[in-house]
Amino acid sequence: MARVVVVGSGIAGLVAALDAARDHEVVLVTKAVLAESNTRYAQGGIAAALFPDDSPAAHAADTLRAGAGLAVLEAVDALCADAPQRIRELIDLGVRFDRDGDGLARGLEAAHSRARVLHAGGDATGAEIERALVAAVRSSAARIVEQAFLLDVVMRDGAAAGVLVRRADGAVREVAADAVVLATGGLGQLYAHTTNPAVATGDGVAAAWRAGAAIADLEFVQFHPTALAVPGSFLVSEAVRGEGAVLRNARGERFMLDVHPDAELAPRDVVARGIAVEMAAQGGAPVVLDATALGAAFLARRFPTIDAACRAAGMDWAREPVPVTPAAHYAMGGVATDTSGRTTVPGLFAVGEVACTGTHGANRLASNSLLEGLVFAHRAARAIGRSWEAAPEWIAEASVAMAPSSSPHPDGTAEDLHAVPGMRFERARLQRLMWDAAGVHRDRAGLTKAAAELAATADPEPGEDRDLLQVGRLVVAAALAREESRGAHFRSDFPAPADPPARHTVLLPVAHVQKAALAC
């Protein structure tokens, strides 16, 4: 029996803890209360090929297509093949998915070729899954430690040996372990506009980086096309567009018809850029989402959470279109792993949004995020105690291997990001900088300026701000390195994809750069 510490309490952390606790001693550490995570706020649903007119192969084909040439086939196949059984296990745990007269209700979402997306409570899927999993974990043998912030992964003899955490009272303690599972979620708080909760500060990516793990594809940040253009950036699920809502500009025109054959149901990156272009053309004013044709009764029943949010903002979306804007939503990149969640550091696993399995490639397919956390957390739990294999081929064949403190410059040289310390860190300033330079539209000039400013910013004390600054540096470095536009990464100075083959961007700590360069 191994001692396992799981960090994070979204779907990935809860599933990893629950599954691992069957065979191992498990401590689950989370920086807020157990039920607070990105999962809790997920509206869109969870995808799986559960119906007679669907198949894992069709689900995989849609996932590969959305991934824009960078989705890793082995990971995609694992995701889609495992999905039906993992969903059945959630139902056995008490998750109450919506039903209709034929059984489980299903919806069609953007870029899916079949209606395969399950919802719960209309638009409260994540909250329902979190409820059931929290109850199951509290009933398991896992020990729960709340209000404990991840400071670092403890390393001994080149392997993860536990975590260092800071409790709410300021006390710092080490939690020793034979295996560490990072399930810390995303990094949306890097940006001025995000659908993510306050806890999404990139802590797992930063801690893994300091531990020496490879970070992959961090330039691919998905911007949800439709967040309410009001304080809080409340997410309006694309399931609303799947049900028939449309986007209109200030002239009332459905501008997405001229952008993509699938119009409002185009992949998220396409819709987000289409909205950004339209907003720029109308002086920065938001576009509007018109759901009035769906009717008040349907909207209230199908999307009760969004309906309540609109009314709280003083808007009746059944009677008038509501203003929307893109917002940072999901990171496709993260700590590089294989299909069992193993990172390049022995003993260190990563699952869920903090990880990069390669499943999403350059652009995540709608409603695959909860599924990824579910599937790969289960796989990671099964891999604890097994031999540590070499890095997957997709990592070894990456196009870029960079030092942690280096950012490429136009002349091909590298400048130490810590070379000119002194500027005091301000979170709001960082968020504005990342939104302007590494948001929906990017170019060399803006990214280079951002890299210089991040270089000149002194590292804050250990905590969320330190992690945000470190991850911001990595995102900018990766975005500068990818001189093409692909999926969620759009460079106006390189507006087209590069010639094939498409390659992943892998960032490696200094000690590993020479080895990685040889592998590439």
Protein backbone atom coordinates (compact mmCIF):
# COMPACT_ATOMS: atom_id res chain seq x y z
CA MET A 1 0.00 0.00 0.00
CA ALA A 2 1.39 3.38 -1.06
CA ARG A 3 0.82 6.73 0.63
CA VAL A 4 -0.74 9.10 -1.90
CA VAL A 5 -1.38 12.82 -1.67
CA VAL A 6 -3.92 14.28 -4.09
CA VAL A 7 -3.92 18.07 -4.48
CA GLY A 8 -7.22 19.54 -5.68
CA SER A 9 -10.91 18.75 -5.32
CA GLY A 10 -12.56 19.13 -8.71
CA ILE A 11 -13.71 16.10 -10.67
CA ALA A 12 -10.13 14.95 -11.32
CA GLY A 13 -8.95 15.22 -7.72
CA LEU A 14 -12.08 13.68 -6.24
CA VAL A 15 -12.05 10.73 -8.66
CA ALA A 16 -8.31 10.18 -8.16
CA ALA A 17 -8.72 10.21 -4.37
CA LEU A 18 -11.80 7.98 -4.43
CA ASP A 19 -10.25 5.38 -6.73
CA ALA A 20 -6.81 5.43 -5.09
CA ALA A 21 -8.32 5.06 -1.61
CA ARG A 22 -9.49 1.55 -2.51
CA ASP A 23 -5.87 0.32 -2.53
CA HIS A 24 -3.76 3.03 -0.91
CA GLU A 25 -3.61 5.45 2.00
CA VAL A 26 -4.84 8.76 0.56
CA VAL A 27 -4.63 12.35 1.78
CA LEU A 28 -6.64 14.84 -0.29
CA VAL A 29 -5.41 18.43 0.06
CA THR A 30 -7.40 21.37 -1.28
CA LYS A 31 -6.73 25.08 -0.93
CA ALA A 32 -10.34 26.11 -0.27
CA VAL A 33 -13.28 24.01 0.90
CA LEU A 34 -13.72 20.58 -0.64
CA ALA A 35 -16.55 21.56 -3.00
CA GLU A 36 -14.86 24.68 -4.45
CA SER A 37 -13.34 24.10 -7.87
CA ASN A 38 -13.80 24.78 -11.58
CA THR A 39 -15.93 21.64 -11.76
CA ARG A 40 -18.59 23.19 -9.57
CA TYR A 41 -19.20 25.93 -12.15
CA ALA A 42 -19.20 23.76 -15.29
CA GLN A 43 -22.46 24.23 -17.20
CA GLY A 44 -22.06 22.69 -20.62
CA GLY A 45 -22.15 19.00 -19.78
CA ILE A 46 -20.05 15.89 -20.22
CA ALA A 47 -19.70 14.01 -23.50
CA ALA A 48 -19.79 10.24 -24.03
CA ALA A 49 -20.83 7.83 -26.77
CA LEU A 50 -23.61 6.14 -24.82
CA PHE A 51 -26.32 5.95 -27.48
CA PRO A 52 -27.04 3.49 -30.32
CA ASP A 53 -26.42 6.04 -33.08
CA ASP A 54 -23.01 6.99 -31.69
CA SER A 55 -19.64 5.33 -31.07
CA PRO A 56 -16.32 6.02 -29.34
CA ALA A 57 -14.78 6.19 -32.82
CA ALA A 58 -17.15 8.99 -33.86
CA HIS A 59 -16.47 10.84 -30.60
CA ALA A 60 -12.74 10.42 -31.21
CA ALA A 61 -13.04 11.73 -34.76
CA ASP A 62 -14.78 14.88 -33.51
CA THR A 63 -12.14 15.35 -30.80
CA LEU A 64 -9.30 14.96 -33.30
CA ARG A 65 -10.91 17.39 -35.70
CA ALA A 66 -11.30 20.04 -33.00
CA GLY A 67 -7.68 19.52 -31.92
CA ALA A 68 -6.40 21.13 -35.14
CA GLY A 69 -3.69 18.59 -35.89
CA LEU A 70 -2.19 18.37 -32.39
CA ALA A 71 -4.51 15.98 -30.55
CA VAL A 72 -2.59 12.85 -29.50
CA LEU A 73 -4.33 9.80 -30.95
CA GLU A 74 -3.51 7.46 -28.07
CA ALA A 75 -4.92 9.91 -25.53
CA VAL A 76 -8.02 10.65 -27.60
CA ASP A 77 -8.76 6.95 -28.04
CA ALA A 78 -8.35 6.39 -24.30
CA LEU A 79 -10.68 9.27 -23.49
CA CYS A 80 -13.46 8.22 -25.83
CA ALA A 81 -13.20 4.47 -25.26
CA ASP A 82 -13.26 4.80 -21.46
CA ALA A 83 -15.99 7.45 -21.39
CA PRO A 84 -19.15 5.26 -21.35
CA GLN A 85 -18.00 3.12 -18.42
CA ARG A 86 -16.81 6.12 -16.41
CA ILE A 87 -20.20 7.81 -16.92
CA ARG A 88 -22.01 4.69 -15.73
CA GLU A 89 -19.85 4.75 -12.61
CA LEU A 90 -20.86 8.36 -11.95
CA ILE A 91 -24.50 7.33 -12.22
CA ASP A 92 -23.82 4.50 -9.74
CA LEU A 93 -22.36 7.11 -7.37
CA GLY A 94 -25.61 9.03 -7.50
CA VAL A 95 -25.05 11.68 -10.17
CA ARG A 96 -28.51 12.67 -11.37
CA PHE A 97 -28.20 13.37 -15.08
CA ASP A 98 -31.19 14.88 -16.83
CA ARG A 99 -33.64 12.42 -18.35
CA ASP A 100 -36.38 12.46 -20.93
CA GLY A 101 -38.97 9.92 -22.03
CA ASP A 102 -36.31 7.68 -23.57
CA GLY A 103 -33.89 7.63 -20.63
CA LEU A 104 -30.83 9.85 -20.40
CA ALA A 105 -31.38 13.19 -22.13
CA ARG A 106 -28.66 14.31 -24.52
CA GLY A 107 -27.76 17.52 -26.25
CA LEU A 108 -25.82 18.61 -29.32
CA GLU A 109 -22.97 21.04 -28.79
CA ALA A 110 -20.53 22.86 -31.05
CA ALA A 111 -18.30 20.68 -33.28
CA HIS A 112 -19.95 17.40 -32.19
CA SER A 113 -21.35 15.29 -35.04
CA ARG A 114 -23.80 13.53 -32.70
CA ALA A 115 -25.99 14.55 -29.78
CA ARG A 116 -23.94 12.96 -26.99
CA VAL A 117 -23.65 15.58 -24.25
CA LEU A 118 -25.25 14.80 -20.89
CA HIS A 119 -26.40 17.55 -18.54
CA ALA A 120 -27.62 17.69 -14.99
CA GLY A 121 -30.00 20.27 -13.61
CA GLY A 122 -30.12 21.84 -17.07
CA ASP A 123 -26.98 23.92 -16.81
CA ALA A 124 -25.66 22.75 -13.42
CA THR A 125 -23.81 19.63 -14.57
CA GLY A 126 -20.57 20.36 -12.76
CA ALA A 127 -22.31 21.20 -9.51
CA GLU A 128 -24.25 17.92 -9.57
CA ILE A 129 -21.13 15.86 -10.33
CA GLU A 130 -19.21 17.68 -7.60
CA ARG A 131 -22.03 17.05 -5.11
CA ALA A 132 -22.03 13.31 -5.69
CA LEU A 133 -18.25 12.98 -5.70
CA VAL A 134 -17.78 15.07 -2.56
CA ALA A 135 -20.26 12.85 -0.76
CA ALA A 136 -18.49 9.71 -1.98
CA VAL A 137 -15.04 10.98 -0.96
CA ARG A 138 -16.31 12.01 2.49
CA SER A 139 -17.60 8.45 2.90
CA SER A 140 -14.32 6.89 1.75
CA ALA A 141 -11.13 6.16 3.64
CA ALA A 142 -9.41 9.24 2.19
CA ARG A 143 -8.29 11.87 4.72
CA ILE A 144 -9.33 15.40 3.71
CA VAL A 145 -7.28 18.52 4.45
CA GLU A 146 -9.07 21.74 3.50
CA GLN A 147 -7.75 25.32 3.43
CA ALA A 148 -4.22 24.13 2.59
CA PHE A 149 -2.32 25.91 -0.19
CA LEU A 150 0.22 23.99 -2.30
CA LEU A 151 3.61 25.69 -1.93
CA ASP A 152 5.80 23.10 -3.64
CA VAL A 153 6.27 19.47 -4.56
CA VAL A 154 8.84 17.91 -2.23
CA MET A 155 11.62 16.22 -4.21
CA ARG A 156 14.00 13.54 -2.92
CA ASP A 157 16.49 11.60 -5.04
CA GLY A 158 14.92 12.92 -8.23
CA ALA A 159 11.39 11.80 -7.40
CA ALA A 160 8.29 13.40 -5.89
CA ALA A 161 8.12 12.58 -2.20
CA GLY A 162 5.21 14.69 -0.99
CA VAL A 163 4.04 18.29 -0.90
CA LEU A 164 4.70 21.37 1.14
CA VAL A 165 1.47 23.16 2.08
CA ARG A 166 0.51 26.28 4.00
CA ARG A 167 -2.54 26.07 6.22
CA ALA A 168 -5.05 28.86 6.75
CA ASP A 169 -3.35 29.81 10.03
CA GLY A 170 -0.04 30.32 8.19
CA ALA A 171 1.57 27.11 9.42
CA VAL A 172 3.70 25.31 6.82
CA ARG A 173 3.88 21.55 6.87
CA GLU A 174 5.13 18.72 4.72
CA VAL A 175 2.79 15.93 3.68
CA ALA A 176 5.01 12.98 2.82
CA ALA A 177 3.90 10.57 0.10
CA ASP A 178 5.05 7.85 -2.25
CA ALA A 179 3.04 9.44 -5.06
CA VAL A 180 1.74 12.96 -5.63
CA VAL A 181 -1.31 13.59 -7.84
CA LEU A 182 -1.74 17.20 -8.96
CA ALA A 183 -5.38 18.03 -9.75
CA THR A 184 -5.26 21.76 -9.11
CA GLY A 185 -7.29 22.93 -12.10
CA GLY A 186 -6.65 25.82 -14.45
CA LEU A 187 -5.05 29.23 -14.73
CA GLY A 188 -7.90 31.52 -15.75
CA GLN A 189 -7.02 34.13 -13.12
CA LEU A 190 -4.08 35.10 -15.34
CA TYR A 191 -6.57 37.10 -17.40
CA ALA A 192 -8.67 40.21 -16.86
CA HIS A 193 -11.77 38.37 -18.15
CA THR A 194 -12.27 34.77 -17.10
CA THR A 195 -15.08 32.37 -16.38
CA ASN A 196 -12.88 30.60 -13.80
CA PRO A 197 -13.36 30.92 -10.04
CA ALA A 198 -10.83 32.73 -7.86
CA VAL A 199 -8.99 29.48 -7.01
CA ALA A 200 -7.80 28.97 -10.63
CA THR A 201 -4.33 30.48 -10.27
CA GLY A 202 -2.12 27.92 -12.01
CA ASP A 203 -0.64 26.57 -8.78
CA GLY A 204 -0.13 23.01 -10.01
CA VAL A 205 1.62 24.03 -13.22
CA ALA A 206 3.96 26.33 -11.29
CA ALA A 207 4.74 23.73 -8.63
CA ALA A 208 5.37 21.02 -11.22
CA TRP A 209 7.64 23.41 -13.10
CA ARG A 210 9.70 24.10 -9.99
CA ALA A 211 9.92 20.33 -9.44
CA GLY A 212 11.45 19.89 -12.89
CA ALA A 213 8.46 18.60 -14.88
CA ALA A 214 7.96 19.29 -18.58
CA ILE A 215 5.17 21.72 -19.43
CA ALA A 216 3.42 21.29 -22.78
CA ASP A 217 1.31 23.42 -25.12
CA LEU A 218 0.70 26.20 -22.61
CA GLU A 219 0.09 28.70 -25.41
CA PHE A 220 -3.27 27.04 -26.07
CA VAL A 221 -5.69 28.86 -23.80
CA GLN A 222 -9.31 28.55 -24.81
CA PHE A 223 -11.37 31.69 -24.60
CA HIS A 224 -15.03 30.93 -24.15
CA PRO A 225 -16.86 32.99 -26.76
CA THR A 226 -19.83 33.97 -24.62
CA ALA A 227 -19.48 35.34 -21.12
CA LEU A 228 -21.94 37.97 -19.97
CA ALA A 229 -20.34 41.38 -20.51
CA VAL A 230 -20.93 42.35 -16.88
CA PRO A 231 -18.68 42.18 -13.80
CA GLY A 232 -17.91 38.55 -13.01
CA SER A 233 -17.92 37.38 -16.66
CA PHE A 234 -20.61 34.78 -15.99
CA LEU A 235 -20.34 32.00 -18.56
CA VAL A 236 -23.20 31.48 -20.99
CA SER A 237 -22.80 27.88 -22.08
CA GLU A 238 -22.49 27.09 -25.75
CA ALA A 239 -25.32 24.67 -25.14
CA VAL A 240 -27.48 27.80 -25.45
CA ARG A 241 -26.21 28.19 -29.01
CA GLY A 242 -26.68 24.46 -29.48
CA GLU A 243 -30.36 24.96 -28.68
CA GLY A 244 -30.67 27.69 -31.30
CA ALA A 245 -29.50 31.02 -29.85
CA VAL A 246 -27.59 33.21 -32.33
CA LEU A 247 -24.97 35.97 -32.19
CA ARG A 248 -25.68 39.42 -33.57
CA ASN A 249 -23.63 42.56 -34.04
CA ALA A 250 -24.70 46.12 -33.32
CA ARG A 251 -26.62 46.16 -36.61
CA GLY A 252 -28.56 43.05 -35.66
CA GLU A 253 -26.73 40.88 -38.23
CA ARG A 254 -25.79 37.23 -37.66
CA PHE A 255 -22.12 37.85 -38.44
CA MET A 256 -20.97 34.26 -37.74
CA LEU A 257 -22.71 33.14 -40.95
CA ASP A 258 -19.88 34.87 -42.84
CA VAL A 259 -17.14 33.49 -40.58
CA HIS A 260 -17.64 29.71 -40.63
CA PRO A 261 -20.00 27.19 -42.28
CA ASP A 262 -21.18 26.08 -38.83
CA ALA A 263 -21.88 29.70 -37.80
CA GLU A 264 -22.55 29.84 -34.04
CA LEU A 265 -21.70 26.13 -33.69
CA ALA A 266 -18.17 26.53 -35.07
CA PRO A 267 -15.27 25.54 -32.78
CA ARG A 268 -14.83 27.84 -29.82
CA ASP A 269 -11.65 29.52 -31.04
CA VAL A 270 -13.35 30.44 -34.30
CA VAL A 271 -16.38 31.90 -32.54
CA ALA A 272 -14.24 33.78 -30.00
CA ARG A 273 -12.13 35.37 -32.72
CA GLY A 274 -15.21 36.17 -34.78
CA ILE A 275 -16.69 37.99 -31.80
CA ALA A 276 -13.41 39.81 -31.08
CA VAL A 277 -13.18 41.05 -34.67
CA GLU A 278 -16.79 42.20 -34.60
CA MET A 279 -16.30 43.98 -31.28
CA ALA A 280 -13.25 45.79 -32.66
CA ALA A 281 -15.28 46.88 -35.68
CA GLN A 282 -17.94 48.41 -33.42
CA GLY A 283 -15.57 50.29 -31.14
CA GLY A 284 -15.16 47.57 -28.52
CA ALA A 285 -18.86 47.27 -27.75
CA PRO A 286 -19.97 43.71 -26.95
CA VAL A 287 -21.94 41.67 -29.42
CA VAL A 288 -25.23 40.16 -28.25
CA LEU A 289 -26.52 36.64 -27.83
CA ASP A 290 -30.10 36.39 -29.02
CA ALA A 291 -32.01 33.57 -27.32
CA THR A 292 -35.41 35.23 -27.51
CA ALA A 293 -36.77 32.67 -29.98
CA LEU A 294 -36.37 29.91 -27.37
CA GLY A 295 -39.02 31.34 -25.05
CA ALA A 296 -39.01 32.20 -21.37
CA ALA A 297 -40.32 28.84 -20.11
CA PHE A 298 -37.71 26.83 -22.02
CA LEU A 299 -34.82 29.08 -20.99
CA ALA A 300 -35.80 28.95 -17.32
CA ARG A 301 -36.18 25.15 -17.39
CA ARG A 302 -33.15 24.28 -19.54
CA PHE A 303 -30.75 26.96 -18.26
CA PRO A 304 -31.90 27.91 -14.76
CA THR A 305 -28.47 29.09 -13.59
CA ILE A 306 -27.90 31.34 -16.59
CA ASP A 307 -31.47 32.57 -16.39
CA ALA A 308 -30.90 33.58 -12.76
CA ALA A 309 -27.58 35.26 -13.62
CA CYS A 310 -29.18 37.31 -16.39
CA ARG A 311 -31.97 38.43 -14.08
CA ALA A 312 -29.47 39.27 -11.33
CA ALA A 313 -27.72 41.53 -13.87
CA GLY A 314 -31.02 43.23 -14.68
CA MET A 315 -31.53 41.49 -18.03
CA ASP A 316 -34.45 39.42 -19.31
CA TRP A 317 -32.84 37.26 -21.98
CA ALA A 318 -36.19 35.83 -23.02
CA ARG A 319 -37.25 39.31 -24.16
CA GLU A 320 -34.02 40.90 -25.39
CA PRO A 321 -30.55 39.81 -26.53
CA VAL A 322 -27.82 39.97 -23.85
CA PRO A 323 -24.30 41.42 -24.27
CA VAL A 324 -21.48 38.87 -24.37
CA THR A 325 -17.69 38.90 -24.70
CA PRO A 326 -14.97 36.23 -24.88
CA ALA A 327 -13.31 35.25 -21.57
CA ALA A 328 -10.42 32.96 -20.62
CA HIS A 329 -12.00 29.61 -19.92
CA TYR A 330 -9.78 26.55 -20.23
CA ALA A 331 -6.09 25.68 -20.63
CA MET A 332 -5.41 22.89 -23.11
CA GLY A 333 -1.76 22.88 -22.08
CA GLY A 334 -0.28 22.03 -18.71
CA VAL A 335 1.99 19.49 -17.10
CA ALA A 336 2.90 16.96 -19.79
CA THR A 337 1.69 13.43 -19.03
CA ASP A 338 1.09 10.05 -20.58
CA THR A 339 -2.32 8.37 -20.66
CA SER A 340 -1.90 7.29 -17.04
CA GLY A 341 -1.23 10.81 -15.77
CA ARG A 342 2.49 10.21 -15.26
CA THR A 343 4.62 13.32 -15.70
CA THR A 344 8.31 13.46 -16.59
CA VAL A 345 9.12 13.49 -12.85
CA PRO A 346 8.95 10.03 -11.20
CA GLY A 347 6.24 9.83 -8.56
CA LEU A 348 4.43 12.94 -9.83
CA PHE A 349 1.05 12.58 -11.55
CA ALA A 350 -1.12 15.32 -13.04
CA VAL A 351 -4.78 14.97 -13.99
CA GLY A 352 -7.54 17.26 -15.17
CA GLU A 353 -6.99 20.78 -16.42
CA VAL A 354 -3.56 21.10 -14.80
CA ALA A 355 -2.36 18.30 -17.07
CA CYS A 356 -1.63 18.10 -20.78
CA THR A 357 -2.34 14.59 -22.01
CA GLY A 358 -2.47 15.82 -25.60
CA THR A 359 -6.16 14.90 -25.74
CA HIS A 360 -7.34 18.39 -26.61
CA GLY A 361 -4.54 19.29 -29.01
CA ALA A 362 -4.76 22.95 -29.97
CA ASN A 363 -8.45 23.33 -29.17
CA ARG A 364 -10.72 21.42 -26.79
CA LEU A 365 -13.95 19.92 -28.05
CA ALA A 366 -16.97 21.11 -26.07
CA SER A 367 -17.83 19.04 -22.99
CA ASN A 368 -14.62 17.01 -23.09
CA SER A 369 -13.08 18.80 -20.09
CA LEU A 370 -15.05 17.14 -17.30
CA LEU A 371 -14.61 13.88 -19.16
CA GLU A 372 -10.82 14.24 -19.34
CA GLY A 373 -10.62 14.79 -15.59
CA LEU A 374 -12.84 11.78 -14.98
CA VAL A 375 -11.09 9.35 -17.35
CA PHE A 376 -7.46 10.18 -16.65
CA ALA A 377 -7.91 10.49 -12.89
CA HIS A 378 -9.17 6.90 -12.89
CA ARG A 379 -6.21 5.84 -15.04
CA ALA A 380 -3.74 7.63 -12.77
CA ALA A 381 -5.15 5.96 -9.67
CA ARG A 382 -4.72 2.57 -11.34
CA ALA A 383 -1.09 3.39 -12.23
CA ILE A 384 0.05 4.24 -8.70
CA GLY A 385 2.74 1.80 -7.62
CA ARG A 386 3.51 0.66 -11.14
CA SER A 387 6.78 1.22 -12.99
CA TRP A 388 7.55 4.73 -14.27
CA GLU A 389 7.78 4.67 -18.05
CA ALA A 390 9.74 6.97 -20.36
CA ALA A 391 8.06 10.14 -21.60
CA PRO A 392 5.52 9.54 -24.38
CA GLU A 393 6.70 9.94 -27.95
CA TRP A 394 4.69 13.14 -28.46
CA ILE A 395 6.71 14.84 -25.72
CA ALA A 396 10.05 13.59 -27.02
CA GLU A 397 9.22 14.85 -30.52
CA ALA A 398 8.16 18.34 -29.44
CA SER A 399 9.33 21.26 -31.53
CA VAL A 400 10.71 23.46 -28.74
CA ALA A 401 12.60 22.80 -25.53
CA MET A 402 13.35 25.92 -23.54
CA ALA A 403 14.94 26.96 -20.27
CA PRO A 404 12.47 28.12 -17.61
CA SER A 405 13.82 31.66 -17.49
CA SER A 406 14.23 32.20 -21.19
CA SER A 407 11.98 33.73 -23.79
CA PRO A 408 12.74 33.79 -27.52
CA HIS A 409 13.38 37.21 -29.01
CA PRO A 410 13.14 38.44 -32.60
CA ASP A 411 16.90 38.19 -33.11
CA GLY A 412 16.88 34.54 -32.13
CA THR A 413 18.65 35.15 -28.81
CA ALA A 414 17.28 34.48 -25.37
CA GLU A 415 16.93 36.94 -22.54
CA ASP A 416 16.74 35.88 -18.91
CA LEU A 417 13.24 36.63 -17.67
CA HIS A 418 14.69 37.33 -14.22
CA ALA A 419 17.52 39.52 -15.47
CA VAL A 420 15.99 42.90 -14.59
CA PRO A 421 14.11 42.43 -11.33
CA GLY A 422 12.56 45.26 -9.42
CA MET A 423 9.07 46.05 -10.68
CA ARG A 424 6.54 45.32 -7.94
CA PHE A 425 4.00 42.66 -8.76
CA GLU A 426 0.38 43.77 -9.15
CA ARG A 427 -2.16 41.09 -10.01
CA ALA A 428 -4.53 43.43 -11.86
CA ARG A 429 -1.62 44.71 -13.97
CA LEU A 430 -0.59 41.15 -14.84
CA GLN A 431 -4.16 40.27 -15.80
CA ARG A 432 -4.47 43.29 -18.09
CA LEU A 433 -1.09 42.56 -19.65
CA MET A 434 -1.97 38.93 -20.36
CA TRP A 435 -5.37 39.89 -21.76
CA ASP A 436 -3.87 42.46 -24.13
CA ALA A 437 -0.77 40.54 -25.21
CA ALA A 438 -1.62 36.85 -24.83
CA GLY A 439 -5.39 36.87 -25.23
CA VAL A 440 -7.58 36.10 -28.23
CA HIS A 441 -5.24 37.93 -30.65
CA ARG A 442 -1.45 37.82 -30.30
CA ASP A 443 1.61 39.08 -32.17
CA ARG A 444 5.37 39.22 -31.69
CA ALA A 445 5.46 42.87 -30.65
CA GLY A 446 2.87 42.46 -27.90
CA LEU A 447 4.28 39.17 -26.63
CA THR A 448 7.85 40.49 -26.60
CA LYS A 449 6.74 43.55 -24.64
CA ALA A 450 4.88 41.31 -22.22
CA ALA A 451 7.93 39.07 -21.78
CA ALA A 452 10.07 42.12 -20.96
CA GLU A 453 7.59 43.39 -18.39
CA LEU A 454 7.29 39.98 -16.78
CA ALA A 455 11.09 39.80 -16.74
CA ALA A 456 11.26 43.07 -14.87
CA THR A 457 8.74 42.00 -12.24
CA ALA A 458 10.18 40.79 -8.97
CA ASP A 459 8.93 37.43 -7.74
CA PRO A 460 6.32 37.80 -4.98
CA GLU A 461 6.44 35.74 -1.81
CA PRO A 462 5.39 32.09 -2.23
CA GLY A 463 1.69 31.95 -2.92
CA GLU A 464 -0.87 32.50 -5.67
CA ASP A 465 0.79 35.65 -7.01
CA ARG A 466 4.15 33.91 -7.40
CA ASP A 467 2.44 31.09 -9.27
CA LEU A 468 0.51 33.45 -11.55
CA LEU A 469 3.68 35.32 -12.47
CA GLN A 470 5.58 32.11 -13.20
CA VAL A 471 2.78 30.66 -15.31
CA GLY A 472 2.33 33.99 -17.12
CA ARG A 473 5.99 33.86 -18.11
CA LEU A 474 5.55 30.32 -19.42
CA VAL A 475 2.40 31.13 -21.41
CA VAL A 476 4.10 34.11 -23.07
CA ALA A 477 7.25 32.09 -23.81
CA ALA A 478 5.20 29.32 -25.43
CA ALA A 479 3.10 31.80 -27.43
CA LEU A 480 6.24 33.51 -28.73
CA ALA A 481 7.74 30.17 -29.71
CA ARG A 482 4.75 29.09 -31.81
CA GLU A 483 5.07 31.18 -34.94
CA GLU A 484 1.83 30.09 -36.53
CA SER A 485 -1.89 30.22 -35.84
CA ARG A 486 -3.46 26.95 -34.77
CA GLY A 487 -6.55 26.18 -32.74
CA ALA A 488 -6.92 28.52 -29.79
CA HIS A 489 -3.56 30.20 -30.49
CA PHE A 490 -3.89 33.03 -33.00
CA ARG A 491 -0.90 35.12 -34.11
CA SER A 492 -1.89 38.04 -36.34
CA ASP A 493 1.72 38.16 -37.63
CA PHE A 494 1.52 34.42 -38.49
CA PRO A 495 -2.18 34.06 -39.35
CA ALA A 496 -2.00 30.61 -40.95
CA PRO A 497 -0.93 27.19 -39.68
CA ALA A 498 2.68 26.23 -40.35
CA ASP A 499 3.46 23.47 -42.82
CA PRO A 500 2.93 19.97 -41.41
CA PRO A 501 3.79 18.11 -39.36
CA ALA A 502 2.30 20.03 -36.44
CA ARG A 503 4.45 19.80 -33.34
CA HIS A 504 3.87 20.33 -29.65
CA THR A 505 5.62 23.00 -27.61
CA VAL A 506 7.37 21.57 -24.57
CA LEU A 507 9.05 23.81 -22.01
CA LEU A 508 11.64 22.18 -19.80
CA PRO A 509 13.56 23.38 -16.75
CA VAL A 510 17.22 24.29 -17.30
CA ALA A 511 18.68 21.02 -16.09
CA HIS A 512 16.65 19.12 -18.70
CA VAL A 513 17.09 21.35 -21.73
CA GLN A 514 20.19 19.69 -23.18
CA LYS A 515 18.66 16.24 -22.77
CA ALA A 516 15.39 17.41 -24.32
CA ALA A 517 17.16 19.05 -27.23
CA LEU A 518 18.89 15.77 -28.00
CA ALA A 519 15.55 13.92 -27.81
CA CYS A 520 13.94 16.36 -30.22
